[in-house]
């Protein structure tokens, strides 16, 4: 067997991780997770210093209670695939 070595270009990877298509994809995934979780969950996507990131939060008191009792966010993370 031959040995394969992959070398990534750091600057290119940073560009890719900060690109608008990646941010849009993360936002789409976060929106799907929030929709599956139900009322009171909100999706956010933003551009960080080194990469785009997205999150889903329990934005209302009812959603926070629901998430604490049922682990709603963890159970529905698969909706982002």
PDB file of N, CA and C in Angstrom:
ATOM      1  N   UNK A   1       0.826  -1.187   0.000  1.00  0.00           N
ATOM      2  CA  UNK A   1       0.000   0.000   0.000  1.00  0.00           C
ATOM      3  C   UNK A   1       0.867   1.246   0.000  1.00  0.00           C
ATOM      4  N   UNK A   2       0.378   2.251  -0.654  1.00  0.00           N
ATOM      5  CA  UNK A   2       1.118   3.507  -0.683  1.00  0.00           C
ATOM      6  C   UNK A   2       0.602   4.445   0.402  1.00  0.00           C
ATOM      7  N   UNK A   3       1.465   5.283   0.865  1.00  0.00           N
ATOM      8  CA  UNK A   3       1.117   6.239   1.907  1.00  0.00           C
ATOM      9  C   UNK A   3       0.673   7.540   1.240  1.00  0.00           C
ATOM     10  N   UNK A   4      -0.483   8.024   1.632  1.00  0.00           N
ATOM     11  CA  UNK A   4      -1.020   9.254   1.064  1.00  0.00           C
ATOM     12  C   UNK A   4      -0.901  10.355   2.106  1.00  0.00           C
ATOM     13  N   UNK A   5      -0.380  11.478   1.680  1.00  0.00           N
ATOM     14  CA  UNK A   5      -0.243  12.615   2.581  1.00  0.00           C
ATOM     15  C   UNK A   5      -1.040  13.779   2.011  1.00  0.00           C
ATOM     16  N   UNK A   6      -1.905  14.351   2.841  1.00  0.00           N
ATOM     17  CA  UNK A   6      -2.724  15.481   2.424  1.00  0.00           C
ATOM     18  C   UNK A   6      -2.267  16.696   3.202  1.00  0.00           C
ATOM     19  N   UNK A   7      -1.976  17.752   2.491  1.00  0.00           N
ATOM     20  CA  UNK A   7      -1.554  18.987   3.136  1.00  0.00           C
ATOM     21  C   UNK A   7      -2.575  20.065   2.790  1.00  0.00           C
ATOM     22  N   UNK A   8      -3.181  20.647   3.817  1.00  0.00           N
ATOM     23  CA  UNK A   8      -4.205  21.667   3.613  1.00  0.00           C
ATOM     24  C   UNK A   8      -3.582  23.060   3.632  1.00  0.00           C
ATOM     25  N   UNK A   9      -4.110  23.895   2.778  1.00  0.00           N
ATOM     26  CA  UNK A   9      -3.681  25.281   2.724  1.00  0.00           C
ATOM     27  C   UNK A   9      -4.462  26.051   3.785  1.00  0.00           C
ATOM     28  N   UNK A  10      -3.766  26.534   4.820  1.00  0.00           N
ATOM     29  CA  UNK A  10      -4.437  27.213   5.933  1.00  0.00           C
ATOM     30  C   UNK A  10      -5.240  28.419   5.478  1.00  0.00           C
ATOM     31  N   UNK A  11      -4.667  29.210   4.623  1.00  0.00           N
ATOM     32  CA  UNK A  11      -5.360  30.419   4.153  1.00  0.00           C
ATOM     33  C   UNK A  11      -6.609  30.040   3.348  1.00  0.00           C
ATOM     34  N   UNK A  12      -6.481  29.026   2.519  1.00  0.00           N
ATOM     35  CA  UNK A  12      -7.614  28.570   1.721  1.00  0.00           C
ATOM     36  C   UNK A  12      -8.726  27.997   2.580  1.00  0.00           C
ATOM     37  N   UNK A  13      -8.356  27.254   3.624  1.00  0.00           N
ATOM     38  CA  UNK A  13      -9.361  26.695   4.525  1.00  0.00           C
ATOM     39  C   UNK A  13     -10.090  27.801   5.285  1.00  0.00           C
ATOM     40  N   UNK A  14      -9.349  28.814   5.704  1.00  0.00           N
ATOM     41  CA  UNK A  14      -9.978  29.928   6.404  1.00  0.00           C
ATOM     42  C   UNK A  14     -10.957  30.653   5.479  1.00  0.00           C
ATOM     43  N   UNK A  15     -10.566  30.844   4.235  1.00  0.00           N
ATOM     44  CA  UNK A  15     -11.462  31.467   3.253  1.00  0.00           C
ATOM     45  C   UNK A  15     -12.728  30.649   3.074  1.00  0.00           C
ATOM     46  N   UNK A  16     -12.562  29.336   2.973  1.00  0.00           N
ATOM     47  CA  UNK A  16     -13.707  28.451   2.790  1.00  0.00           C
ATOM     48  C   UNK A  16     -14.647  28.515   3.988  1.00  0.00           C
ATOM     49  N   UNK A  17     -14.106  28.438   5.193  1.00  0.00           N
ATOM     50  CA  UNK A  17     -14.928  28.435   6.397  1.00  0.00           C
ATOM     51  C   UNK A  17     -15.634  29.767   6.642  1.00  0.00           C
ATOM     52  N   UNK A  18     -15.137  30.837   6.041  1.00  0.00           N
ATOM     53  CA  UNK A  18     -15.757  32.155   6.195  1.00  0.00           C
ATOM     54  C   UNK A  18     -16.605  32.546   4.990  1.00  0.00           C
ATOM     55  N   UNK A  19     -16.739  31.676   4.012  1.00  0.00           N
ATOM     56  CA  UNK A  19     -17.428  32.024   2.779  1.00  0.00           C
ATOM     57  C   UNK A  19     -18.944  32.133   2.979  1.00  0.00           C
ATOM     58  N   UNK A  20     -19.597  32.986   2.191  1.00  0.00           N
ATOM     59  CA  UNK A  20     -21.055  33.143   2.286  1.00  0.00           C
ATOM     60  C   UNK A  20     -21.834  31.849   2.054  1.00  0.00           C
ATOM     61  N   UNK A  21     -21.424  30.963   1.143  1.00  0.00           N
ATOM     62  CA  UNK A  21     -22.185  29.715   0.998  1.00  0.00           C
ATOM     63  C   UNK A  21     -22.160  28.840   2.259  1.00  0.00           C
ATOM     64  N   UNK A  22     -21.042  28.830   2.969  1.00  0.00           N
ATOM     65  CA  UNK A  22     -20.957  28.053   4.205  1.00  0.00           C
ATOM     66  C   UNK A  22     -21.865  28.672   5.257  1.00  0.00           C
ATOM     67  N   UNK A  23     -21.866  29.985   5.374  1.00  0.00           N
ATOM     68  CA  UNK A  23     -22.741  30.669   6.322  1.00  0.00           C
ATOM     69  C   UNK A  23     -24.201  30.391   5.990  1.00  0.00           C
ATOM     70  N   UNK A  24     -24.561  30.424   4.722  1.00  0.00           N
ATOM     71  CA  UNK A  24     -25.945  30.155   4.309  1.00  0.00           C
ATOM     72  C   UNK A  24     -26.338  28.715   4.640  1.00  0.00           C
ATOM     73  N   UNK A  25     -25.434  27.768   4.435  1.00  0.00           N
ATOM     74  CA  UNK A  25     -25.726  26.377   4.742  1.00  0.00           C
ATOM     75  C   UNK A  25     -25.921  26.179   6.251  1.00  0.00           C
ATOM     76  N   UNK A  26     -25.081  26.802   7.048  1.00  0.00           N
ATOM     77  CA  UNK A  26     -25.219  26.694   8.495  1.00  0.00           C
ATOM     78  C   UNK A  26     -26.537  27.297   8.968  1.00  0.00           C
ATOM     79  N   UNK A  27     -26.917  28.434   8.396  1.00  0.00           N
ATOM     80  CA  UNK A  27     -28.184  29.092   8.747  1.00  0.00           C
ATOM     81  C   UNK A  27     -29.365  28.185   8.380  1.00  0.00           C
ATOM     82  N   UNK A  28     -29.307  27.564   7.210  1.00  0.00           N
ATOM     83  CA  UNK A  28     -30.376  26.664   6.769  1.00  0.00           C
ATOM     84  C   UNK A  28     -30.514  25.487   7.733  1.00  0.00           C
ATOM     85  N   UNK A  29     -29.392  24.924   8.143  1.00  0.00           N
ATOM     86  CA  UNK A  29     -29.424  23.797   9.070  1.00  0.00           C
ATOM     87  C   UNK A  29     -29.976  24.213  10.431  1.00  0.00           C
ATOM     88  N   UNK A  30     -29.535  25.366  10.927  1.00  0.00           N
ATOM     89  CA  UNK A  30     -30.019  25.857  12.221  1.00  0.00           C
ATOM     90  C   UNK A  30     -31.515  26.154  12.158  1.00  0.00           C
ATOM     91  N   UNK A  31     -31.984  26.712  11.048  1.00  0.00           N
ATOM     92  CA  UNK A  31     -33.414  26.989  10.890  1.00  0.00           C
ATOM     93  C   UNK A  31     -34.230  25.701  10.938  1.00  0.00           C
ATOM     94  N   UNK A  32     -33.721  24.634  10.315  1.00  0.00           N
ATOM     95  CA  UNK A  32     -34.446  23.353  10.335  1.00  0.00           C
ATOM     96  C   UNK A  32     -34.520  22.791  11.746  1.00  0.00           C
ATOM     97  N   UNK A  33     -33.427  22.885  12.489  1.00  0.00           N
ATOM     98  CA  UNK A  33     -33.423  22.387  13.866  1.00  0.00           C
ATOM     99  C   UNK A  33     -34.420  23.181  14.703  1.00  0.00           C
ATOM    100  N   UNK A  34     -34.407  24.507  14.571  1.00  0.00           N
ATOM    101  CA  UNK A  34     -35.331  25.352  15.338  1.00  0.00           C
ATOM    102  C   UNK A  34     -36.784  25.040  14.982  1.00  0.00           C
ATOM    103  N   UNK A  35     -37.059  24.789  13.724  1.00  0.00           N
ATOM    104  CA  UNK A  35     -38.427  24.476  13.296  1.00  0.00           C
ATOM    105  C   UNK A  35     -38.901  23.153  13.896  1.00  0.00           C
ATOM    106  N   UNK A  36     -38.030  22.164  13.948  1.00  0.00           N
ATOM    107  CA  UNK A  36     -38.388  20.859  14.506  1.00  0.00           C
ATOM    108  C   UNK A  36     -38.586  20.969  16.018  1.00  0.00           C
ATOM    109  N   UNK A  37     -37.798  21.801  16.672  1.00  0.00           N
ATOM    110  CA  UNK A  37     -37.913  21.961  18.122  1.00  0.00           C
ATOM    111  C   UNK A  37     -39.251  22.596  18.514  1.00  0.00           C
ATOM    112  N   UNK A  38     -39.752  23.484  17.687  1.00  0.00           N
ATOM    113  CA  UNK A  38     -41.066  24.071  17.950  1.00  0.00           C
ATOM    114  C   UNK A  38     -41.005  25.527  18.365  1.00  0.00           C
ATOM    115  N   UNK A  39     -42.139  25.997  18.892  1.00  0.00           N
ATOM    116  CA  UNK A  39     -42.285  27.394  19.266  1.00  0.00           C
ATOM    117  C   UNK A  39     -41.303  27.768  20.368  1.00  0.00           C
ATOM    118  N   UNK A  40     -40.692  28.939  20.221  1.00  0.00           N
ATOM    119  CA  UNK A  40     -39.801  29.454  21.247  1.00  0.00           C
ATOM    120  C   UNK A  40     -38.327  29.210  20.999  1.00  0.00           C
ATOM    121  N   UNK A  41     -38.002  28.455  19.961  1.00  0.00           N
ATOM    122  CA  UNK A  41     -36.598  28.196  19.620  1.00  0.00           C
ATOM    123  C   UNK A  41     -36.214  29.086  18.451  1.00  0.00           C
ATOM    124  N   UNK A  42     -35.034  29.668  18.520  1.00  0.00           N
ATOM    125  CA  UNK A  42     -34.605  30.619  17.501  1.00  0.00           C
ATOM    126  C   UNK A  42     -33.211  30.250  16.991  1.00  0.00           C
ATOM    127  N   UNK A  43     -33.026  30.409  15.689  1.00  0.00           N
ATOM    128  CA  UNK A  43     -31.744  30.098  15.053  1.00  0.00           C
ATOM    129  C   UNK A  43     -30.974  31.378  14.767  1.00  0.00           C
ATOM    130  N   UNK A  44     -29.678  31.323  14.974  1.00  0.00           N
ATOM    131  CA  UNK A  44     -28.787  32.445  14.684  1.00  0.00           C
ATOM    132  C   UNK A  44     -27.619  31.931  13.841  1.00  0.00           C
ATOM    133  N   UNK A  45     -27.139  32.767  12.950  1.00  0.00           N
ATOM    134  CA  UNK A  45     -25.923  32.462  12.193  1.00  0.00           C
ATOM    135  C   UNK A  45     -25.130  33.754  12.090  1.00  0.00           C
ATOM    136  N   UNK A  46     -23.828  33.657  12.272  1.00  0.00           N
ATOM    137  CA  UNK A  46     -23.004  34.850  12.218  1.00  0.00           C
ATOM    138  C   UNK A  46     -21.608  34.515  11.715  1.00  0.00           C
ATOM    139  N   UNK A  47     -20.935  35.542  11.295  1.00  0.00           N
ATOM    140  CA  UNK A  47     -19.560  35.429  10.810  1.00  0.00           C
ATOM    141  C   UNK A  47     -18.623  35.711  11.969  1.00  0.00           C
ATOM    142  N   UNK A  48     -17.779  34.747  12.321  1.00  0.00           N
ATOM    143  CA  UNK A  48     -16.796  34.942  13.368  1.00  0.00           C
ATOM    144  C   UNK A  48     -15.474  35.404  12.774  1.00  0.00           C
ATOM    145  N   UNK A  49     -14.466  35.520  13.626  1.00  0.00           N
ATOM    146  CA  UNK A  49     -13.151  35.940  13.135  1.00  0.00           C
ATOM    147  C   UNK A  49     -12.524  34.914  12.218  1.00  0.00           C
ATOM    148  N   UNK A  50     -12.692  33.632  12.566  1.00  0.00           N
ATOM    149  CA  UNK A  50     -12.014  32.605  11.778  1.00  0.00           C
ATOM    150  C   UNK A  50     -12.965  31.694  11.009  1.00  0.00           C
ATOM    151  N   UNK A  51     -14.264  31.729  11.335  1.00  0.00           N
ATOM    152  CA  UNK A  51     -15.206  30.850  10.648  1.00  0.00           C
ATOM    153  C   UNK A  51     -16.642  31.318  10.870  1.00  0.00           C
ATOM    154  N   UNK A  52     -17.514  30.814  10.034  1.00  0.00           N
ATOM    155  CA  UNK A  52     -18.944  31.064  10.205  1.00  0.00           C
ATOM    156  C   UNK A  52     -19.456  30.104  11.268  1.00  0.00           C
ATOM    157  N   UNK A  53     -20.474  30.518  11.997  1.00  0.00           N
ATOM    158  CA  UNK A  53     -21.041  29.637  13.010  1.00  0.00           C
ATOM    159  C   UNK A  53     -22.535  29.868  13.137  1.00  0.00           C
ATOM    160  N   UNK A  54     -23.231  28.870  13.618  1.00  0.00           N
ATOM    161  CA  UNK A  54     -24.674  28.955  13.802  1.00  0.00           C
ATOM    162  C   UNK A  54     -25.033  28.298  15.125  1.00  0.00           C
ATOM    163  N   UNK A  55     -26.137  28.744  15.705  1.00  0.00           N
ATOM    164  CA  UNK A  55     -26.608  28.151  16.947  1.00  0.00           C
ATOM    165  C   UNK A  55     -28.127  28.229  16.998  1.00  0.00           C
ATOM    166  N   UNK A  56     -28.703  27.365  17.799  1.00  0.00           N
ATOM    167  CA  UNK A  56     -30.140  27.369  18.055  1.00  0.00           C
ATOM    168  C   UNK A  56     -30.292  27.505  19.562  1.00  0.00           C
ATOM    169  N   UNK A  57     -31.133  28.439  19.983  1.00  0.00           N
ATOM    170  CA  UNK A  57     -31.318  28.682  21.408  1.00  0.00           C
ATOM    171  C   UNK A  57     -32.794  28.620  21.764  1.00  0.00           C
ATOM    172  N   UNK A  58     -33.044  28.292  23.021  1.00  0.00           N
ATOM    173  CA  UNK A  58     -34.394  28.339  23.562  1.00  0.00           C
ATOM    174  C   UNK A  58     -34.629  29.789  23.976  1.00  0.00           C
ATOM    175  N   UNK A  59     -35.416  30.507  23.200  1.00  0.00           N
ATOM    176  CA  UNK A  59     -35.531  31.951  23.368  1.00  0.00           C
ATOM    177  C   UNK A  59     -36.624  32.386  24.345  1.00  0.00           C
ATOM    178  N   UNK A  60     -37.568  31.507  24.660  1.00  0.00           N
ATOM    179  CA  UNK A  60     -38.647  31.876  25.573  1.00  0.00           C
ATOM    180  C   UNK A  60     -38.565  31.035  26.838  1.00  0.00           C
ATOM    181  N   UNK A  61     -39.281  31.475  27.855  1.00  0.00           N
ATOM    182  CA  UNK A  61     -39.286  30.732  29.117  1.00  0.00           C
ATOM    183  C   UNK A  61     -39.837  29.324  28.911  1.00  0.00           C
ATOM    184  N   UNK A  62     -40.896  29.204  28.128  1.00  0.00           N
ATOM    185  CA  UNK A  62     -41.479  27.893  27.856  1.00  0.00           C
ATOM    186  C   UNK A  62     -40.517  26.974  27.120  1.00  0.00           C
ATOM    187  N   UNK A  63     -39.794  27.530  26.170  1.00  0.00           N
ATOM    188  CA  UNK A  63     -38.822  26.729  25.420  1.00  0.00           C
ATOM    189  C   UNK A  63     -37.665  26.301  26.323  1.00  0.00           C
ATOM    190  N   UNK A  64     -37.230  27.188  27.202  1.00  0.00           N
ATOM    191  CA  UNK A  64     -36.152  26.829  28.135  1.00  0.00           C
ATOM    192  C   UNK A  64     -36.605  25.699  29.062  1.00  0.00           C
ATOM    193  N   UNK A  65     -37.839  25.786  29.544  1.00  0.00           N
ATOM    194  CA  UNK A  65     -38.383  24.742  30.409  1.00  0.00           C
ATOM    195  C   UNK A  65     -38.494  23.420  29.631  1.00  0.00           C
ATOM    196  N   UNK A  66     -39.005  23.514  28.403  1.00  0.00           N
ATOM    197  CA  UNK A  66     -39.134  22.339  27.549  1.00  0.00           C
ATOM    198  C   UNK A  66     -37.776  21.685  27.309  1.00  0.00           C
ATOM    199  N   UNK A  67     -36.782  22.489  27.010  1.00  0.00           N
ATOM    200  CA  UNK A  67     -35.446  21.954  26.753  1.00  0.00           C
ATOM    201  C   UNK A  67     -34.841  21.343  28.020  1.00  0.00           C
ATOM    202  N   UNK A  68     -35.066  21.949  29.160  1.00  0.00           N
ATOM    203  CA  UNK A  68     -34.530  21.418  30.414  1.00  0.00           C
ATOM    204  C   UNK A  68     -35.160  20.071  30.755  1.00  0.00           C
ATOM    205  N   UNK A  69     -36.447  19.918  30.480  1.00  0.00           N
ATOM    206  CA  UNK A  69     -37.153  18.686  30.826  1.00  0.00           C
ATOM    207  C   UNK A  69     -36.964  17.575  29.791  1.00  0.00           C
ATOM    208  N   UNK A  70     -36.903  17.954  28.523  1.00  0.00           N
ATOM    209  CA  UNK A  70     -36.922  16.947  27.468  1.00  0.00           C
ATOM    210  C   UNK A  70     -35.658  16.893  26.611  1.00  0.00           C
ATOM    211  N   UNK A  71     -34.668  17.748  26.880  1.00  0.00           N
ATOM    212  CA  UNK A  71     -33.455  17.810  26.056  1.00  0.00           C
ATOM    213  C   UNK A  71     -33.805  17.990  24.577  1.00  0.00           C
ATOM    214  N   UNK A  72     -34.705  18.886  24.302  1.00  0.00           N
ATOM    215  CA  UNK A  72     -35.249  19.079  22.966  1.00  0.00           C
ATOM    216  C   UNK A  72     -34.169  19.396  21.935  1.00  0.00           C
ATOM    217  N   UNK A  73     -33.245  20.269  22.280  1.00  0.00           N
ATOM    218  CA  UNK A  73     -32.203  20.639  21.315  1.00  0.00           C
ATOM    219  C   UNK A  73     -31.307  19.455  20.975  1.00  0.00           C
ATOM    220  N   UNK A  74     -30.925  18.702  21.957  1.00  0.00           N
ATOM    221  CA  UNK A  74     -30.059  17.549  21.708  1.00  0.00           C
ATOM    222  C   UNK A  74     -30.793  16.479  20.905  1.00  0.00           C
ATOM    223  N   UNK A  75     -32.054  16.247  21.236  1.00  0.00           N
ATOM    224  CA  UNK A  75     -32.825  15.216  20.540  1.00  0.00           C
ATOM    225  C   UNK A  75     -33.089  15.567  19.073  1.00  0.00           C
ATOM    226  N   UNK A  76     -33.108  16.849  18.756  1.00  0.00           N
ATOM    227  CA  UNK A  76     -33.452  17.257  17.401  1.00  0.00           C
ATOM    228  C   UNK A  76     -32.256  17.724  16.566  1.00  0.00           C
ATOM    229  N   UNK A  77     -31.048  17.516  17.056  1.00  0.00           N
ATOM    230  CA  UNK A  77     -29.885  17.980  16.313  1.00  0.00           C
ATOM    231  C   UNK A  77     -29.753  17.267  14.960  1.00  0.00           C
ATOM    232  N   UNK A  78     -30.294  16.072  14.862  1.00  0.00           N
ATOM    233  CA  UNK A  78     -30.240  15.331  13.610  1.00  0.00           C
ATOM    234  C   UNK A  78     -30.999  16.003  12.479  1.00  0.00           C
ATOM    235  N   UNK A  79     -31.914  16.901  12.792  1.00  0.00           N
ATOM    236  CA  UNK A  79     -32.679  17.610  11.755  1.00  0.00           C
ATOM    237  C   UNK A  79     -31.776  18.529  10.940  1.00  0.00           C
ATOM    238  N   UNK A  80     -30.608  18.839  11.453  1.00  0.00           N
ATOM    239  CA  UNK A  80     -29.689  19.717  10.749  1.00  0.00           C
ATOM    240  C   UNK A  80     -28.844  19.010   9.709  1.00  0.00           C
ATOM    241  N   UNK A  81     -29.034  17.736   9.535  1.00  0.00           N
ATOM    242  CA  UNK A  81     -28.220  16.984   8.570  1.00  0.00           C
ATOM    243  C   UNK A  81     -28.739  17.111   7.178  1.00  0.00           C
TER     244      UNK A  81
END
